[in-house]
C-alpha atoms as a PDB file:
ATOM      1  CA  UNK A   1       0.773  21.122  21.883  1.00  0.00           C
ATOM      2  CA  UNK A   2      -0.547  20.650  18.364  1.00  0.00           C
ATOM      3  CA  UNK A   3      -1.882  17.203  17.536  1.00  0.00           C
ATOM      4  CA  UNK A   4       0.292  15.036  15.311  1.00  0.00           C
ATOM      5  CA  UNK A   5      -0.815  14.715  11.732  1.00  0.00           C
ATOM      6  CA  UNK A   6      -1.970  11.162  11.040  1.00  0.00           C
ATOM      7  CA  UNK A   7      -1.175   9.090   7.959  1.00  0.00           C
ATOM      8  CA  UNK A   8      -2.944   5.827   7.188  1.00  0.00           C
ATOM      9  CA  UNK A   9      -0.420   3.128   6.205  1.00  0.00           C
ATOM     10  CA  UNK A  10      -1.371   0.011   4.228  1.00  0.00           C
ATOM     11  CA  UNK A  11       0.802  -3.096   4.074  1.00  0.00           C
ATOM     12  CA  UNK A  12       1.574  -5.368   1.140  1.00  0.00           C
ATOM     13  CA  UNK A  13       0.644  -8.917   0.219  1.00  0.00           C
ATOM     14  CA  UNK A  14       1.338 -11.586   2.881  1.00  0.00           C
ATOM     15  CA  UNK A  15       2.120  -8.906   5.461  1.00  0.00           C
ATOM     16  CA  UNK A  16       0.231  -7.346   8.337  1.00  0.00           C
ATOM     17  CA  UNK A  17       0.411  -4.040  10.171  1.00  0.00           C
ATOM     18  CA  UNK A  18       2.875  -5.323  12.766  1.00  0.00           C
ATOM     19  CA  UNK A  19       5.326  -6.722  10.208  1.00  0.00           C
ATOM     20  CA  UNK A  20       5.223  -3.610   8.022  1.00  0.00           C
ATOM     21  CA  UNK A  21       5.561  -1.259  10.976  1.00  0.00           C
ATOM     22  CA  UNK A  22       8.715  -3.051  12.104  1.00  0.00           C
ATOM     23  CA  UNK A  23      10.203  -2.945   8.621  1.00  0.00           C
ATOM     24  CA  UNK A  24       9.620   0.796   8.484  1.00  0.00           C
ATOM     25  CA  UNK A  25      11.158   1.314  11.907  1.00  0.00           C
ATOM     26  CA  UNK A  26      13.810   3.750  10.648  1.00  0.00           C
ATOM     27  CA  UNK A  27      11.152   5.810   8.891  1.00  0.00           C
ATOM     28  CA  UNK A  28       8.987   5.870  12.009  1.00  0.00           C
ATOM     29  CA  UNK A  29      11.906   7.135  14.099  1.00  0.00           C
ATOM     30  CA  UNK A  30      12.540   9.913  11.585  1.00  0.00           C
ATOM     31  CA  UNK A  31       8.850  10.834  11.603  1.00  0.00           C
ATOM     32  CA  UNK A  32       8.377  11.296  15.342  1.00  0.00           C
ATOM     33  CA  UNK A  33       6.029  14.211  14.721  1.00  0.00           C
ATOM     34  CA  UNK A  34       3.784  12.129  12.450  1.00  0.00           C
ATOM     35  CA  UNK A  35       1.391   9.438  13.605  1.00  0.00           C
ATOM     36  CA  UNK A  36       1.821   6.574  11.145  1.00  0.00           C
ATOM     37  CA  UNK A  37      -1.245   4.409  11.649  1.00  0.00           C
ATOM     38  CA  UNK A  38      -0.713   0.857  10.379  1.00  0.00           C
ATOM     39  CA  UNK A  39      -3.869  -1.219   9.969  1.00  0.00           C
ATOM     40  CA  UNK A  40      -4.458  -4.874   9.117  1.00  0.00           C
ATOM     41  CA  UNK A  41      -6.251  -6.148   6.050  1.00  0.00           C
ATOM     42  CA  UNK A  42      -9.337  -8.040   7.277  1.00  0.00           C
ATOM     43  CA  UNK A  43      -8.477 -11.552   6.076  1.00  0.00           C
ATOM     44  CA  UNK A  44      -5.897 -13.852   7.583  1.00  0.00           C
ATOM     45  CA  UNK A  45      -3.732 -15.501   4.936  1.00  0.00           C
ATOM     46  CA  UNK A  46      -2.668 -18.887   6.257  1.00  0.00           C
ATOM     47  CA  UNK A  47       0.644 -20.588   5.352  1.00  0.00           C
ATOM     48  CA  UNK A  48      -1.339 -23.105   3.293  1.00  0.00           C
ATOM     49  CA  UNK A  49      -2.649 -20.204   1.184  1.00  0.00           C
ATOM     50  CA  UNK A  50       0.911 -19.098   0.416  1.00  0.00           C
ATOM     51  CA  UNK A  51       1.843 -22.654  -0.516  1.00  0.00           C
ATOM     52  CA  UNK A  52      -1.233 -22.895  -2.746  1.00  0.00           C
ATOM     53  CA  UNK A  53      -0.410 -19.572  -4.412  1.00  0.00           C
ATOM     54  CA  UNK A  54       3.146 -20.718  -5.031  1.00  0.00           C
ATOM     55  CA  UNK A  55       1.893 -23.977  -6.532  1.00  0.00           C
ATOM     56  CA  UNK A  56      -0.241 -21.987  -8.986  1.00  0.00           C
ATOM     57  CA  UNK A  57       2.634 -19.642  -9.776  1.00  0.00           C
ATOM     58  CA  UNK A  58       6.121 -21.047  -9.013  1.00  0.00           C
ATOM     59  CA  UNK A  59       7.635 -17.654  -9.906  1.00  0.00           C
ATOM     60  CA  UNK A  60       6.395 -16.250  -6.607  1.00  0.00           C
ATOM     61  CA  UNK A  61       9.123 -15.710  -4.039  1.00  0.00           C
ATOM     62  CA  UNK A  62       7.429 -14.736  -0.797  1.00  0.00           C
ATOM     63  CA  UNK A  63       9.868 -13.078   1.563  1.00  0.00           C
ATOM     64  CA  UNK A  64       8.400 -14.716   4.661  1.00  0.00           C
ATOM     65  CA  UNK A  65      10.742 -17.612   5.485  1.00  0.00           C
ATOM     66  CA  UNK A  66       9.320 -20.960   6.541  1.00  0.00           C
ATOM     67  CA  UNK A  67      10.160 -20.303  10.195  1.00  0.00           C
ATOM     68  CA  UNK A  68       8.120 -17.095  10.095  1.00  0.00           C
ATOM     69  CA  UNK A  69       5.177 -18.889   8.507  1.00  0.00           C
ATOM     70  CA  UNK A  70       5.254 -21.520  11.241  1.00  0.00           C
ATOM     71  CA  UNK A  71       5.412 -18.802  13.890  1.00  0.00           C
ATOM     72  CA  UNK A  72       2.473 -17.080  12.211  1.00  0.00           C
ATOM     73  CA  UNK A  73       0.253 -20.038  13.042  1.00  0.00           C
ATOM     74  CA  UNK A  74       1.004 -19.419  16.719  1.00  0.00           C
ATOM     75  CA  UNK A  75       1.026 -15.613  16.757  1.00  0.00           C
ATOM     76  CA  UNK A  76      -1.834 -13.640  15.182  1.00  0.00           C
ATOM     77  CA  UNK A  77       0.299 -10.493  15.174  1.00  0.00           C
ATOM     78  CA  UNK A  78       2.581 -12.120  12.636  1.00  0.00           C
ATOM     79  CA  UNK A  79      -0.139 -13.588  10.480  1.00  0.00           C
ATOM     80  CA  UNK A  80      -0.164 -12.176   6.918  1.00  0.00           C
ATOM     81  CA  UNK A  81      -3.412 -10.608   5.681  1.00  0.00           C
ATOM     82  CA  UNK A  82      -5.130  -9.589   2.405  1.00  0.00           C
ATOM     83  CA  UNK A  83      -8.710  -8.651   0.962  1.00  0.00           C
ATOM     84  CA  UNK A  84     -10.826  -6.180  -1.418  1.00  0.00           C
ATOM     85  CA  UNK A  85     -14.510  -5.589  -0.758  1.00  0.00           C
ATOM     86  CA  UNK A  86     -13.901  -6.499   2.879  1.00  0.00           C
ATOM     87  CA  UNK A  87     -10.844  -4.219   2.931  1.00  0.00           C
ATOM     88  CA  UNK A  88     -12.932  -1.303   1.668  1.00  0.00           C
ATOM     89  CA  UNK A  89     -15.401  -1.944   4.472  1.00  0.00           C
ATOM     90  CA  UNK A  90     -12.575  -2.187   7.018  1.00  0.00           C
ATOM     91  CA  UNK A  91     -10.993   1.074   5.855  1.00  0.00           C
ATOM     92  CA  UNK A  92     -14.391   2.782   5.816  1.00  0.00           C
ATOM     93  CA  UNK A  93     -14.864   1.803   9.460  1.00  0.00           C
ATOM     94  CA  UNK A  94     -11.456   3.268  10.353  1.00  0.00           C
ATOM     95  CA  UNK A  95     -12.074   6.461   8.397  1.00  0.00           C
ATOM     96  CA  UNK A  96     -15.437   7.130  10.060  1.00  0.00           C
ATOM     97  CA  UNK A  97     -13.838   7.401  13.504  1.00  0.00           C
ATOM     98  CA  UNK A  98     -10.448   8.923  12.709  1.00  0.00           C
ATOM     99  CA  UNK A  99      -9.175  11.711  10.464  1.00  0.00           C
ATOM    100  CA  UNK A 100      -6.056  11.323   8.320  1.00  0.00           C
ATOM    101  CA  UNK A 101      -4.033  13.814   6.316  1.00  0.00           C
ATOM    102  CA  UNK A 102      -3.049  11.208   3.765  1.00  0.00           C
ATOM    103  CA  UNK A 103      -2.594   7.545   2.944  1.00  0.00           C
ATOM    104  CA  UNK A 104       0.587   5.589   2.187  1.00  0.00           C
ATOM    105  CA  UNK A 105       0.930   2.056   0.887  1.00  0.00           C
ATOM    106  CA  UNK A 106       3.440  -0.447  -0.401  1.00  0.00           C
ATOM    107  CA  UNK A 107       2.889  -2.804  -3.353  1.00  0.00           C
ATOM    108  CA  UNK A 108      -0.633  -4.204  -3.003  1.00  0.00           C
ATOM    109  CA  UNK A 109      -1.119  -1.643  -0.221  1.00  0.00           C
ATOM    110  CA  UNK A 110      -0.077   1.105  -2.664  1.00  0.00           C
ATOM    111  CA  UNK A 111      -2.644  -0.093  -5.182  1.00  0.00           C
ATOM    112  CA  UNK A 112      -5.228   0.020  -2.413  1.00  0.00           C
ATOM    113  CA  UNK A 113      -4.053   3.431  -1.175  1.00  0.00           C
ATOM    114  CA  UNK A 114      -4.742   4.881  -4.619  1.00  0.00           C
ATOM    115  CA  UNK A 115      -8.196   3.279  -4.571  1.00  0.00           C
ATOM    116  CA  UNK A 116      -8.951   4.837  -1.186  1.00  0.00           C
ATOM    117  CA  UNK A 117      -7.780   8.259  -2.376  1.00  0.00           C
ATOM    118  CA  UNK A 118      -9.832   8.031  -5.566  1.00  0.00           C
ATOM    119  CA  UNK A 119     -12.873   6.666  -3.749  1.00  0.00           C
ATOM    120  CA  UNK A 120     -12.913   9.587  -1.315  1.00  0.00           C
ATOM    121  CA  UNK A 121     -13.032  11.860  -4.376  1.00  0.00           C
ATOM    122  CA  UNK A 122     -15.896   9.889  -5.940  1.00  0.00           C
ATOM    123  CA  UNK A 123     -17.625   8.065  -3.054  1.00  0.00           C
ATOM    124  CA  UNK A 124     -20.891   7.790  -4.930  1.00  0.00           C
ATOM    125  CA  UNK A 125     -19.300   5.324  -7.365  1.00  0.00           C
ATOM    126  CA  UNK A 126     -19.266   2.621  -4.696  1.00  0.00           C
ATOM    127  CA  UNK A 127     -22.357   2.964  -2.457  1.00  0.00           C
ATOM    128  CA  UNK A 128     -21.234   0.325   0.120  1.00  0.00           C
ATOM    129  CA  UNK A 129     -18.465   2.752   1.090  1.00  0.00           C
ATOM    130  CA  UNK A 130     -21.003   5.378   2.168  1.00  0.00           C
ATOM    131  CA  UNK A 131     -22.387   5.761   5.686  1.00  0.00           C
ATOM    132  CA  UNK A 132     -25.969   7.036   5.745  1.00  0.00           C
ATOM    133  CA  UNK A 133     -25.449   8.174   2.174  1.00  0.00           C
ATOM    134  CA  UNK A 134     -22.343  10.227   2.986  1.00  0.00           C
ATOM    135  CA  UNK A 135     -18.594   9.546   2.620  1.00  0.00           C
ATOM    136  CA  UNK A 136     -16.907   8.457   5.863  1.00  0.00           C
ATOM    137  CA  UNK A 137     -14.013  10.902   5.515  1.00  0.00           C
ATOM    138  CA  UNK A 138     -12.993  14.020   3.557  1.00  0.00           C
ATOM    139  CA  UNK A 139     -10.724  13.517   0.503  1.00  0.00           C
ATOM    140  CA  UNK A 140      -7.108  12.735   1.368  1.00  0.00           C
ATOM    141  CA  UNK A 141      -4.638  15.588   1.007  1.00  0.00           C
ATOM    142  CA  UNK A 142      -2.041  13.235  -0.452  1.00  0.00           C
ATOM    143  CA  UNK A 143      -1.234   9.632  -1.303  1.00  0.00           C
ATOM    144  CA  UNK A 144       2.134   7.825  -1.338  1.00  0.00           C
ATOM    145  CA  UNK A 145       2.314   4.738  -3.552  1.00  0.00           C
ATOM    146  CA  UNK A 146       5.536   2.714  -3.316  1.00  0.00           C
ATOM    147  CA  UNK A 147       5.823  -0.056  -5.924  1.00  0.00           C
ATOM    148  CA  UNK A 148       2.177   0.537  -6.720  1.00  0.00           C
ATOM    149  CA  UNK A 149       0.110  -0.703  -9.625  1.00  0.00           C
ATOM    150  CA  UNK A 150      -3.377  -0.240 -11.002  1.00  0.00           C
ATOM    151  CA  UNK A 151      -5.763  -2.834  -9.655  1.00  0.00           C
ATOM    152  CA  UNK A 152      -7.884  -4.305 -12.440  1.00  0.00           C
ATOM    153  CA  UNK A 153     -11.311  -4.736 -10.884  1.00  0.00           C
ATOM    154  CA  UNK A 154     -14.766  -3.457 -11.926  1.00  0.00           C
ATOM    155  CA  UNK A 155     -15.019  -1.485  -8.679  1.00  0.00           C
ATOM    156  CA  UNK A 156     -11.970   0.537  -9.704  1.00  0.00           C
ATOM    157  CA  UNK A 157     -12.943   1.445 -13.256  1.00  0.00           C
ATOM    158  CA  UNK A 158     -15.147   4.471 -12.424  1.00  0.00           C
ATOM    159  CA  UNK A 159     -12.593   5.653  -9.870  1.00  0.00           C
ATOM    160  CA  UNK A 160      -9.793   5.895 -12.413  1.00  0.00           C
ATOM    161  CA  UNK A 161     -11.859   6.920 -15.434  1.00  0.00           C
ATOM    162  CA  UNK A 162     -10.341   9.107 -16.632  1.00  0.00           C
ATOM    163  CA  UNK A 163      -8.183   9.772 -13.553  1.00  0.00           C
ATOM    164  CA  UNK A 164      -8.063  10.706  -9.887  1.00  0.00           C
ATOM    165  CA  UNK A 165      -6.643  14.011  -8.653  1.00  0.00           C
ATOM    166  CA  UNK A 166      -5.337  13.469  -5.110  1.00  0.00           C
ATOM    167  CA  UNK A 167      -1.663  14.578  -5.071  1.00  0.00           C
ATOM    168  CA  UNK A 168       0.251  11.300  -5.282  1.00  0.00           C
ATOM    169  CA  UNK A 169       3.911  10.476  -4.824  1.00  0.00           C
ATOM    170  CA  UNK A 170       4.796   7.401  -6.879  1.00  0.00           C
ATOM    171  CA  UNK A 171       8.030   5.658  -5.850  1.00  0.00           C
ATOM    172  CA  UNK A 172       9.458   3.112  -8.277  1.00  0.00           C
ATOM    173  CA  UNK A 173      12.335   0.675  -7.793  1.00  0.00           C
ATOM    174  CA  UNK A 174      14.280   0.479 -11.048  1.00  0.00           C
ATOM    175  CA  UNK A 175      15.295  -3.084 -10.180  1.00  0.00           C
ATOM    176  CA  UNK A 176      11.881  -4.162  -8.947  1.00  0.00           C
ATOM    177  CA  UNK A 177      11.195  -7.487 -10.662  1.00  0.00           C
ATOM    178  CA  UNK A 178       7.943  -8.041  -8.775  1.00  0.00           C
ATOM    179  CA  UNK A 179       5.987  -4.909  -9.667  1.00  0.00           C
ATOM    180  CA  UNK A 180       7.913  -3.924 -12.751  1.00  0.00           C
ATOM    181  CA  UNK A 181       7.992  -0.315 -13.892  1.00  0.00           C
ATOM    182  CA  UNK A 182       5.495  -0.964 -16.690  1.00  0.00           C
ATOM    183  CA  UNK A 183       2.878  -2.007 -14.119  1.00  0.00           C
ATOM    184  CA  UNK A 184       3.534   1.030 -11.929  1.00  0.00           C
ATOM    185  CA  UNK A 185       3.210   3.290 -14.967  1.00  0.00           C
ATOM    186  CA  UNK A 186      -0.377   2.106 -15.439  1.00  0.00           C
ATOM    187  CA  UNK A 187      -1.276   3.552 -12.048  1.00  0.00           C
ATOM    188  CA  UNK A 188       0.759   6.679 -12.741  1.00  0.00           C
ATOM    189  CA  UNK A 189      -1.172   7.140 -15.995  1.00  0.00           C
ATOM    190  CA  UNK A 190      -4.457   7.630 -14.114  1.00  0.00           C
ATOM    191  CA  UNK A 191      -2.914   9.934 -11.497  1.00  0.00           C
ATOM    192  CA  UNK A 192      -3.467  13.493 -12.709  1.00  0.00           C
ATOM    193  CA  UNK A 193      -1.578  15.215  -9.874  1.00  0.00           C
ATOM    194  CA  UNK A 194       1.608  13.213  -9.472  1.00  0.00           C
ATOM    195  CA  UNK A 195       5.233  13.250  -8.497  1.00  0.00           C
ATOM    196  CA  UNK A 196       7.460  10.366  -9.577  1.00  0.00           C
ATOM    197  CA  UNK A 197      10.689   9.366  -7.839  1.00  0.00           C
ATOM    198  CA  UNK A 198      12.883   6.388  -8.677  1.00  0.00           C
ATOM    199  CA  UNK A 199      15.526   4.477  -6.758  1.00  0.00           C
ATOM    200  CA  UNK A 200      17.997   1.840  -7.901  1.00  0.00           C
ATOM    201  CA  UNK A 201      16.692  -0.811  -5.523  1.00  0.00           C
ATOM    202  CA  UNK A 202      14.054  -3.483  -5.839  1.00  0.00           C
ATOM    203  CA  UNK A 203      10.711  -4.287  -4.256  1.00  0.00           C
ATOM    204  CA  UNK A 204      10.856  -2.380  -0.981  1.00  0.00           C
ATOM    205  CA  UNK A 205      10.327   1.037   0.546  1.00  0.00           C
ATOM    206  CA  UNK A 206      13.704   2.822   0.315  1.00  0.00           C
ATOM    207  CA  UNK A 207      14.711   3.983   3.791  1.00  0.00           C
ATOM    208  CA  UNK A 208      18.366   4.965   3.483  1.00  0.00           C
ATOM    209  CA  UNK A 209      19.112   8.399   4.954  1.00  0.00           C
ATOM    210  CA  UNK A 210      18.341  10.557   1.914  1.00  0.00           C
ATOM    211  CA  UNK A 211      15.147   8.661   1.127  1.00  0.00           C
ATOM    212  CA  UNK A 212      14.029   8.573   4.724  1.00  0.00           C
ATOM    213  CA  UNK A 213      14.379  12.337   5.029  1.00  0.00           C
ATOM    214  CA  UNK A 214      12.657  12.888   1.699  1.00  0.00           C
ATOM    215  CA  UNK A 215       9.675  10.687   2.556  1.00  0.00           C
ATOM    216  CA  UNK A 216       9.213  12.282   5.960  1.00  0.00           C
ATOM    217  CA  UNK A 217       9.393  15.778   4.474  1.00  0.00           C
ATOM    218  CA  UNK A 218       6.798  14.764   1.913  1.00  0.00           C
ATOM    219  CA  UNK A 219       4.504  13.421   4.634  1.00  0.00           C
ATOM    220  CA  UNK A 220       4.908  16.724   6.482  1.00  0.00           C
ATOM    221  CA  UNK A 221       4.335  18.956   3.478  1.00  0.00           C
ATOM    222  CA  UNK A 222       3.410  17.186   0.224  1.00  0.00           C
ATOM    223  CA  UNK A 223       3.034  20.494  -1.626  1.00  0.00           C
ATOM    224  CA  UNK A 224       6.443  21.772  -0.515  1.00  0.00           C
ATOM    225  CA  UNK A 225       9.514  22.277  -2.658  1.00  0.00           C
ATOM    226  CA  UNK A 226      11.300  19.114  -1.521  1.00  0.00           C
ATOM    227  CA  UNK A 227      14.517  18.171  -3.356  1.00  0.00           C
ATOM    228  CA  UNK A 228      14.557  14.788  -5.029  1.00  0.00           C
ATOM    229  CA  UNK A 229      16.395  12.053  -3.124  1.00  0.00           C
ATOM    230  CA  UNK A 230      17.993  11.076  -6.428  1.00  0.00           C
ATOM    231  CA  UNK A 231      18.784   7.718  -7.935  1.00  0.00           C
ATOM    232  CA  UNK A 232      20.859   6.462  -5.032  1.00  0.00           C
ATOM    233  CA  UNK A 233      21.481   2.788  -4.484  1.00  0.00           C
ATOM    234  CA  UNK A 234      18.918   1.573  -1.985  1.00  0.00           C
ATOM    235  CA  UNK A 235      20.410  -1.490  -0.370  1.00  0.00           C
ATOM    236  CA  UNK A 236      18.032  -2.552   2.372  1.00  0.00           C
ATOM    237  CA  UNK A 237      16.128  -5.630   3.439  1.00  0.00           C
ATOM    238  CA  UNK A 238      12.766  -5.844   1.694  1.00  0.00           C
ATOM    239  CA  UNK A 239      10.127  -3.737   3.399  1.00  0.00           C
ATOM    240  CA  UNK A 240       7.417  -5.754   1.752  1.00  0.00           C
ATOM    241  CA  UNK A 241       6.719  -9.156   0.453  1.00  0.00           C
ATOM    242  CA  UNK A 242       6.290 -10.203  -3.117  1.00  0.00           C
ATOM    243  CA  UNK A 243       3.032  -9.431  -4.870  1.00  0.00           C
ATOM    244  CA  UNK A 244       1.860 -12.108  -7.310  1.00  0.00           C
ATOM    245  CA  UNK A 245       2.877 -11.249 -10.851  1.00  0.00           C
ATOM    246  CA  UNK A 246      -0.022 -12.928 -12.593  1.00  0.00           C
ATOM    247  CA  UNK A 247      -3.704 -13.290 -11.875  1.00  0.00           C
ATOM    248  CA  UNK A 248      -4.735 -16.549 -10.284  1.00  0.00           C
ATOM    249  CA  UNK A 249      -8.091 -18.214 -10.429  1.00  0.00           C
ATOM    250  CA  UNK A 250      -9.911 -20.018  -7.697  1.00  0.00           C
ATOM    251  CA  UNK A 251      -8.601 -20.222  -4.169  1.00  0.00           C
ATOM    252  CA  UNK A 252      -9.867 -18.888  -0.894  1.00  0.00           C
ATOM    253  CA  UNK A 253     -11.453 -15.504  -0.217  1.00  0.00           C
ATOM    254  CA  UNK A 254      -8.294 -14.567   1.671  1.00  0.00           C
ATOM    255  CA  UNK A 255      -6.544 -14.461  -1.690  1.00  0.00           C
ATOM    256  CA  UNK A 256      -9.245 -12.374  -3.349  1.00  0.00           C
ATOM    257  CA  UNK A 257      -7.323  -9.119  -3.803  1.00  0.00           C
ATOM    258  CA  UNK A 258      -4.200 -10.869  -5.037  1.00  0.00           C
ATOM    259  CA  UNK A 259      -6.241 -12.686  -7.655  1.00  0.00           C
ATOM    260  CA  UNK A 260      -7.479  -9.404  -9.137  1.00  0.00           C
ATOM    261  CA  UNK A 261      -4.083  -7.926 -10.004  1.00  0.00           C
END
C-alpha cells in the first residue's frame, strides 16, 4: 500500500493543533487518504494574554468563550499557542524528520505557511533555519493559505522580494472582517504562482460539501484541472479565531507573532 501524502497544517491565533484539527473534522474525514499533520506553535498563550490583547485593542473578538479559556488553564491540549522565530525553529525541527508534500494554514497560520514555503525556496536568507548549512526539507510542492496575509517582519522581506514561486491556493472570505480582502491581497501580490478562490463567508475555512471536495482535490493534485467551488454561501462555525487587526506594542513573547502583523 502506498504511503499517504502528508500535509503540514498550521493553526491560527489563539488556537492549537487539537482545536484546529477538531474544527476541520469534516475535511479530515473527506481526506482519508491524506495525512493532515497538525502541529502546535511553540508558545502557550494564557487567558491573561488574551485579556491583555483585548485591552490594547477592544475591537478584537476572540472566538474562544470564557468557559474554554478557563478549561485551557486545566488542559494543555486546549491551550492556545502563537510565536515567530521560535515557530521557525519548531517547524524546522519537524521538517528535518518528516517529509511533506505541502503546507496549509489558516489566518496567522496561513501567513506562516507562506513564509515556510518561501523560506524553503530561499533558505539561505535566514541562516538559523539551516541544519549544518543545509535546508531541513525540500521546497514544498504547494501551499494553501486561507484568510492569509503578508507578515510584516524583517525576516520576511527577502523571502517575498520580489515574490515566492511555490504554487499557492489563496482562499478569501468576502465577508471576512478580521483579515479583510485588502490584507490578503498583499500576500497574493507576492505569490507568483497562485490560484485565488473566494467564498461568501467570513473568517473561517469553508468546509461545506463543495468546498470540502475542492480543498481535498487540491491537496491531492494541486496542479490538476479542479473546478472552482464557486461563490457559495459558507455558513459554518468559525474554523479559526480572530487575528488581531492592528499591531500591538509590548506584551509577552507569547504574543510576538501577533504583534508583527
